[in-house]
Amino acid sequence: MLQEKPSDHSPHLGSKADLRSKIAFMAAQTSSGSTRSVTYREVAHMIDHTNLRPEAMRDQIVRLCQEARDFEFAAAVVNPCYVELAASQLQGSQVKTAAVVGFPLGATLTSVKCFEATEALKLGAEEIDMVLNIGALKSGRNEEVRTDIQKVAEATHHAGALLKVILETGLLSDEEKKLACELSVSAGADFVKTSTGFLGGGATVSDVALMRQVVGPKIGVKASGGIRSASDVRAMIEAGANRIGTSSGVKIIQEMRDQERTSQ
């Protein structure tokens, strides 16, 4: 586990009041790709430690949260039914409780997504990862997609929380990915995110680079889906990601820590 506290320039998010300004700072640092080696401590503060399996049990969520506290991850991401449990486990730490909304298909009604987000926020969620309406995007119903995101963003920001929009890049063309990013920015999202990890493949370096190119330093980029090693993480950060979603966070940080110690 990590022992030292992050330095002042760490990308670990602080109080709700300055979350979005910190994201802008983080995004600016990676808008043209990282050009230096990141330490395992810095990477730890970028990781969303995740368990969204439908068969996830209570004790597994408790362990997820304990690991997130021990390794000082950015957030623990859980299904809505576990938000209250996760929030109680993370109380007193800097680790945020994140909930998924409209997951994993993105095909629920906007009103349902707003209700789901609002209920999760009431139970202690501080970040919301929503899936956009993929079918609407591919059908060219751009205003419907933008409104879907905007309504959830309004509900999320009203509670002082962050919104990440999952594009499900594996199901989109490059032009659709660009459009999804543009709509997310205009709708008030705080992050765009590659994938759910359940459909259409996971994060790729080319998709992260494309997303960063489109959003620039305006908002964050989260790489998620199939990220399981230190080399995967470094590649995503190099491409412009400033948040990493993975269920392998502990393994990745231990691997990076061992590499750093060996190189000293």
Protein backbone atom coordinates (compact mmCIF):
# COMPACT_ATOMS: atom_id res chain seq x y z
CA MET A 1 0.00 0.00 0.00
CA LEU A 2 1.04 3.61 -0.40
CA GLN A 3 2.56 5.30 2.60
CA GLU A 4 3.40 8.84 1.52
CA LYS A 5 0.75 11.47 0.87
CA PRO A 6 0.47 12.91 -2.65
CA SER A 7 2.36 16.09 -3.38
CA ASP A 8 0.61 19.37 -4.18
CA HIS A 9 0.84 18.72 -7.92
CA SER A 10 -0.75 15.29 -7.64
CA PRO A 11 -3.76 14.62 -9.86
CA HIS A 12 -5.67 13.12 -6.90
CA LEU A 13 -9.00 14.96 -6.67
CA GLY A 14 -9.79 16.92 -3.55
CA SER A 15 -12.96 18.56 -2.23
CA LYS A 16 -16.11 18.83 -4.31
CA ALA A 17 -15.76 22.59 -4.63
CA ASP A 18 -12.64 22.45 -6.81
CA LEU A 19 -13.08 19.13 -8.63
CA ARG A 20 -13.77 20.59 -12.06
CA SER A 21 -10.91 23.09 -11.89
CA LYS A 22 -8.56 20.25 -11.02
CA ILE A 23 -9.81 18.23 -13.97
CA ALA A 24 -9.07 21.16 -16.26
CA PHE A 25 -5.54 21.32 -14.84
CA MET A 26 -5.08 17.57 -15.27
CA ALA A 27 -6.43 17.66 -18.80
CA ALA A 28 -4.09 20.50 -19.74
CA GLN A 29 -1.14 18.44 -18.54
CA THR A 30 -2.09 15.58 -20.87
CA SER A 31 -3.75 17.39 -23.78
CA SER A 32 -0.81 16.70 -26.06
CA GLY A 33 0.25 13.46 -24.40
CA SER A 34 2.55 12.83 -21.45
CA THR A 35 6.22 13.30 -22.21
CA ARG A 36 7.68 12.14 -18.90
CA SER A 37 7.55 8.96 -16.89
CA VAL A 38 4.85 8.93 -14.28
CA THR A 39 5.55 7.38 -10.90
CA TYR A 40 3.48 4.60 -9.44
CA ARG A 41 2.14 7.03 -6.84
CA GLU A 42 0.93 9.41 -9.54
CA VAL A 43 -0.68 6.54 -11.44
CA ALA A 44 -2.41 5.29 -8.29
CA HIS A 45 -4.15 8.65 -7.95
CA MET A 46 -5.47 8.29 -11.53
CA ILE A 47 -7.03 4.85 -11.06
CA ASP A 48 -10.74 4.16 -10.76
CA HIS A 49 -10.72 0.81 -8.93
CA THR A 50 -13.67 -1.06 -10.39
CA ASN A 51 -15.97 -3.99 -9.74
CA LEU A 52 -19.09 -3.89 -11.90
CA ARG A 53 -19.62 -7.61 -12.25
CA PRO A 54 -23.25 -8.64 -11.94
CA GLU A 55 -22.24 -11.40 -9.52
CA ALA A 56 -20.21 -9.08 -7.26
CA MET A 57 -20.93 -9.80 -3.60
CA ARG A 58 -20.87 -7.55 -0.56
CA ASP A 59 -17.54 -8.79 0.77
CA GLN A 60 -15.94 -8.18 -2.63
CA ILE A 61 -17.10 -4.56 -2.61
CA VAL A 62 -15.77 -4.12 0.92
CA ARG A 63 -12.41 -5.47 -0.26
CA LEU A 64 -12.50 -3.21 -3.33
CA CYS A 65 -12.97 -0.17 -1.10
CA GLN A 66 -10.25 -1.23 1.33
CA GLU A 67 -7.82 -1.65 -1.56
CA ALA A 68 -8.82 1.74 -2.92
CA ARG A 69 -8.07 3.31 0.48
CA ASP A 70 -4.78 1.43 0.92
CA PHE A 71 -3.48 2.36 -2.53
CA GLU A 72 -4.99 5.85 -2.54
CA PHE A 73 -6.84 5.36 -5.80
CA ALA A 74 -8.96 8.14 -7.29
CA ALA A 75 -12.26 6.32 -6.92
CA ALA A 76 -14.00 3.02 -6.33
CA VAL A 77 -16.57 2.34 -9.05
CA VAL A 78 -19.57 0.17 -8.20
CA ASN A 79 -23.06 -0.63 -9.37
CA PRO A 80 -25.78 1.57 -7.83
CA CYS A 81 -26.94 -1.11 -5.41
CA TYR A 82 -23.55 -0.91 -3.67
CA VAL A 83 -23.15 2.87 -3.53
CA GLU A 84 -24.27 3.25 0.07
CA LEU A 85 -21.96 0.44 1.18
CA ALA A 86 -19.00 1.86 -0.76
CA ALA A 87 -19.58 5.39 0.55
CA SER A 88 -19.59 4.12 4.12
CA GLN A 89 -16.40 2.14 3.54
CA LEU A 90 -14.62 5.13 1.98
CA GLN A 91 -15.77 7.71 4.50
CA GLY A 92 -12.85 9.76 5.83
CA SER A 93 -10.61 9.01 2.84
CA GLN A 94 -9.86 10.96 -0.33
CA VAL A 95 -11.17 8.10 -2.46
CA LYS A 96 -14.40 8.97 -4.26
CA THR A 97 -17.42 6.71 -4.58
CA ALA A 98 -18.45 6.39 -8.23
CA ALA A 99 -21.63 4.83 -9.60
CA VAL A 100 -22.55 3.74 -13.11
CA VAL A 101 -25.78 4.91 -14.74
CA GLY A 102 -27.59 3.48 -17.76
CA PHE A 103 -25.04 0.70 -17.58
CA PRO A 104 -23.95 -1.07 -19.72
CA LEU A 105 -26.25 -0.42 -22.71
CA GLY A 106 -27.03 3.30 -22.44
CA ALA A 107 -30.49 2.61 -23.84
CA THR A 108 -32.64 3.61 -20.86
CA LEU A 109 -34.77 6.76 -20.90
CA THR A 110 -33.12 10.05 -19.97
CA SER A 111 -35.60 10.42 -17.10
CA VAL A 112 -34.52 7.02 -15.80
CA LYS A 113 -30.84 7.92 -16.06
CA CYS A 114 -31.48 11.14 -14.15
CA PHE A 115 -33.41 9.29 -11.45
CA GLU A 116 -30.71 6.63 -11.18
CA ALA A 117 -27.98 9.27 -10.90
CA THR A 118 -29.93 11.32 -8.36
CA GLU A 119 -30.60 8.30 -6.15
CA ALA A 120 -26.94 7.24 -6.31
CA LEU A 121 -25.85 10.76 -5.39
CA LYS A 122 -28.22 10.77 -2.41
CA LEU A 123 -26.62 7.54 -1.22
CA GLY A 124 -23.13 9.02 -1.36
CA ALA A 125 -21.85 8.83 -4.93
CA GLU A 126 -19.46 11.66 -5.82
CA GLU A 127 -18.90 10.65 -9.44
CA ILE A 128 -21.28 9.28 -12.05
CA ASP A 129 -20.19 7.21 -15.07
CA MET A 130 -23.10 7.22 -17.54
CA VAL A 131 -23.40 5.41 -20.86
CA LEU A 132 -24.59 7.66 -23.66
CA ASN A 133 -27.41 6.58 -25.95
CA ILE A 134 -25.33 4.67 -28.48
CA GLY A 135 -28.20 3.84 -30.83
CA ALA A 136 -29.32 7.48 -30.94
CA LEU A 137 -25.78 8.60 -31.76
CA LYS A 138 -25.45 6.09 -34.58
CA SER A 139 -28.88 7.13 -35.89
CA GLY A 140 -27.80 10.77 -36.14
CA ARG A 141 -30.15 11.95 -33.36
CA ASN A 142 -27.51 14.35 -32.06
CA GLU A 143 -29.75 16.64 -30.03
CA GLU A 144 -31.27 13.64 -28.27
CA VAL A 145 -27.79 12.45 -27.31
CA ARG A 146 -26.71 15.89 -26.14
CA THR A 147 -29.87 16.37 -24.06
CA ASP A 148 -29.46 12.92 -22.52
CA ILE A 149 -25.98 13.88 -21.31
CA GLN A 150 -26.93 17.44 -20.34
CA LYS A 151 -29.80 16.34 -18.09
CA VAL A 152 -27.62 13.88 -16.20
CA ALA A 153 -24.82 16.47 -16.02
CA GLU A 154 -27.21 18.99 -14.46
CA ALA A 155 -28.37 16.49 -11.84
CA THR A 156 -24.80 15.43 -11.12
CA HIS A 157 -23.37 18.94 -10.86
CA HIS A 158 -26.27 20.06 -8.67
CA ALA A 159 -24.95 17.57 -6.12
CA GLY A 160 -21.37 18.84 -6.54
CA ALA A 161 -20.31 15.64 -8.28
CA LEU A 162 -18.55 14.73 -11.54
CA LEU A 163 -19.95 13.22 -14.71
CA LYS A 164 -18.06 10.84 -16.98
CA VAL A 165 -19.68 9.88 -20.28
CA ILE A 166 -18.97 6.39 -21.60
CA LEU A 167 -18.84 6.38 -25.40
CA GLU A 168 -18.42 2.61 -25.98
CA THR A 169 -15.81 3.32 -28.63
CA GLY A 170 -15.69 -0.29 -29.85
CA LEU A 171 -19.14 0.21 -31.38
CA LEU A 172 -18.39 3.56 -33.04
CA SER A 173 -16.60 4.80 -36.14
CA ASP A 174 -13.92 7.46 -35.71
CA GLU A 175 -16.36 10.13 -36.90
CA GLU A 176 -18.92 8.93 -34.36
CA LYS A 177 -16.28 9.01 -31.61
CA LYS A 178 -15.43 12.61 -32.51
CA LEU A 179 -19.10 13.57 -32.51
CA ALA A 180 -19.69 11.85 -29.17
CA CYS A 181 -16.81 13.80 -27.64
CA GLU A 182 -18.08 17.10 -29.04
CA LEU A 183 -21.61 16.45 -27.77
CA SER A 184 -20.26 15.48 -24.33
CA VAL A 185 -18.25 18.69 -24.05
CA SER A 186 -21.18 20.87 -25.14
CA ALA A 187 -23.50 19.05 -22.71
CA GLY A 188 -21.27 19.75 -19.71
CA ALA A 189 -19.53 16.43 -19.10
CA ASP A 190 -16.39 16.41 -16.94
CA PHE A 191 -14.82 13.36 -18.62
CA VAL A 192 -15.25 11.27 -21.73
CA LYS A 193 -14.59 7.59 -21.20
CA THR A 194 -13.78 4.89 -23.72
CA SER A 195 -15.72 1.80 -22.73
CA THR A 196 -17.88 -0.12 -20.30
CA GLY A 197 -15.62 -3.15 -20.66
CA PHE A 198 -18.73 -5.24 -21.33
CA LEU A 199 -19.44 -4.49 -25.00
CA GLY A 200 -17.51 -3.90 -28.20
CA GLY A 201 -13.97 -4.21 -26.84
CA GLY A 202 -11.99 -2.01 -24.46
CA ALA A 203 -9.71 1.00 -24.51
CA THR A 204 -7.16 1.47 -27.28
CA VAL A 205 -4.31 3.93 -27.52
CA SER A 206 -5.64 5.31 -30.80
CA ASP A 207 -9.09 5.95 -29.32
CA VAL A 208 -7.66 7.72 -26.27
CA ALA A 209 -5.46 9.88 -28.51
CA LEU A 210 -8.42 10.74 -30.72
CA MET A 211 -10.61 11.64 -27.74
CA ARG A 212 -7.90 13.85 -26.25
CA GLN A 213 -7.38 15.55 -29.60
CA VAL A 214 -11.08 16.38 -29.81
CA VAL A 215 -11.67 17.56 -26.23
CA GLY A 216 -8.25 19.18 -25.81
CA PRO A 217 -7.62 20.50 -22.29
CA LYS A 218 -11.31 21.19 -21.66
CA ILE A 219 -12.24 17.97 -19.87
CA GLY A 220 -10.73 14.69 -18.69
CA VAL A 221 -10.27 11.49 -20.68
CA LYS A 222 -10.76 8.14 -18.97
CA ALA A 223 -9.36 4.99 -20.52
CA SER A 224 -11.31 1.94 -19.42
CA GLY A 225 -11.69 -1.65 -20.55
CA GLY A 226 -8.98 -4.29 -20.84
CA ILE A 227 -6.27 -2.33 -19.00
CA ARG A 228 -4.37 -4.93 -16.99
CA SER A 229 -0.66 -4.04 -16.89
CA ALA A 230 1.77 -1.21 -16.18
CA SER A 231 2.63 -0.99 -19.88
CA ASP A 232 -1.07 -0.65 -20.73
CA VAL A 233 -1.41 2.24 -18.28
CA ARG A 234 1.70 4.05 -19.48
CA ALA A 235 0.51 3.81 -23.08
CA MET A 236 -2.89 5.26 -22.18
CA ILE A 237 -1.38 8.14 -20.23
CA GLU A 238 1.05 8.84 -23.06
CA ALA A 239 -1.95 9.03 -25.41
CA GLY A 240 -3.66 11.59 -23.18
CA ALA A 241 -5.66 9.76 -20.50
CA ASN A 242 -5.75 11.29 -17.04
CA ARG A 243 -8.00 8.68 -15.45
CA ILE A 244 -7.72 4.90 -15.75
CA GLY A 245 -10.59 2.51 -15.13
CA THR A 246 -9.50 -1.01 -14.24
CA SER A 247 -10.20 -3.96 -12.00
CA SER A 248 -6.45 -4.70 -11.96
CA GLY A 249 -5.33 -1.57 -10.11
CA VAL A 250 -3.60 -3.38 -7.26
CA LYS A 251 -1.61 -5.59 -9.64
CA ILE A 252 -0.66 -2.62 -11.82
CA ILE A 253 0.60 -0.48 -8.95
CA GLN A 254 2.54 -3.34 -7.42
CA GLU A 255 4.13 -4.00 -10.81
CA MET A 256 5.06 -0.34 -11.27
CA ARG A 257 6.40 -0.06 -7.72
CA ASP A 258 8.62 -3.11 -8.23
CA GLN A 259 9.89 -1.70 -11.52
CA GLU A 260 10.77 1.62 -9.91
CA ARG A 261 12.59 -0.05 -7.03
CA THR A 262 14.56 -2.27 -9.41
CA SER A 263 15.65 0.74 -11.48
CA GLN A 264 16.95 2.70 -8.48
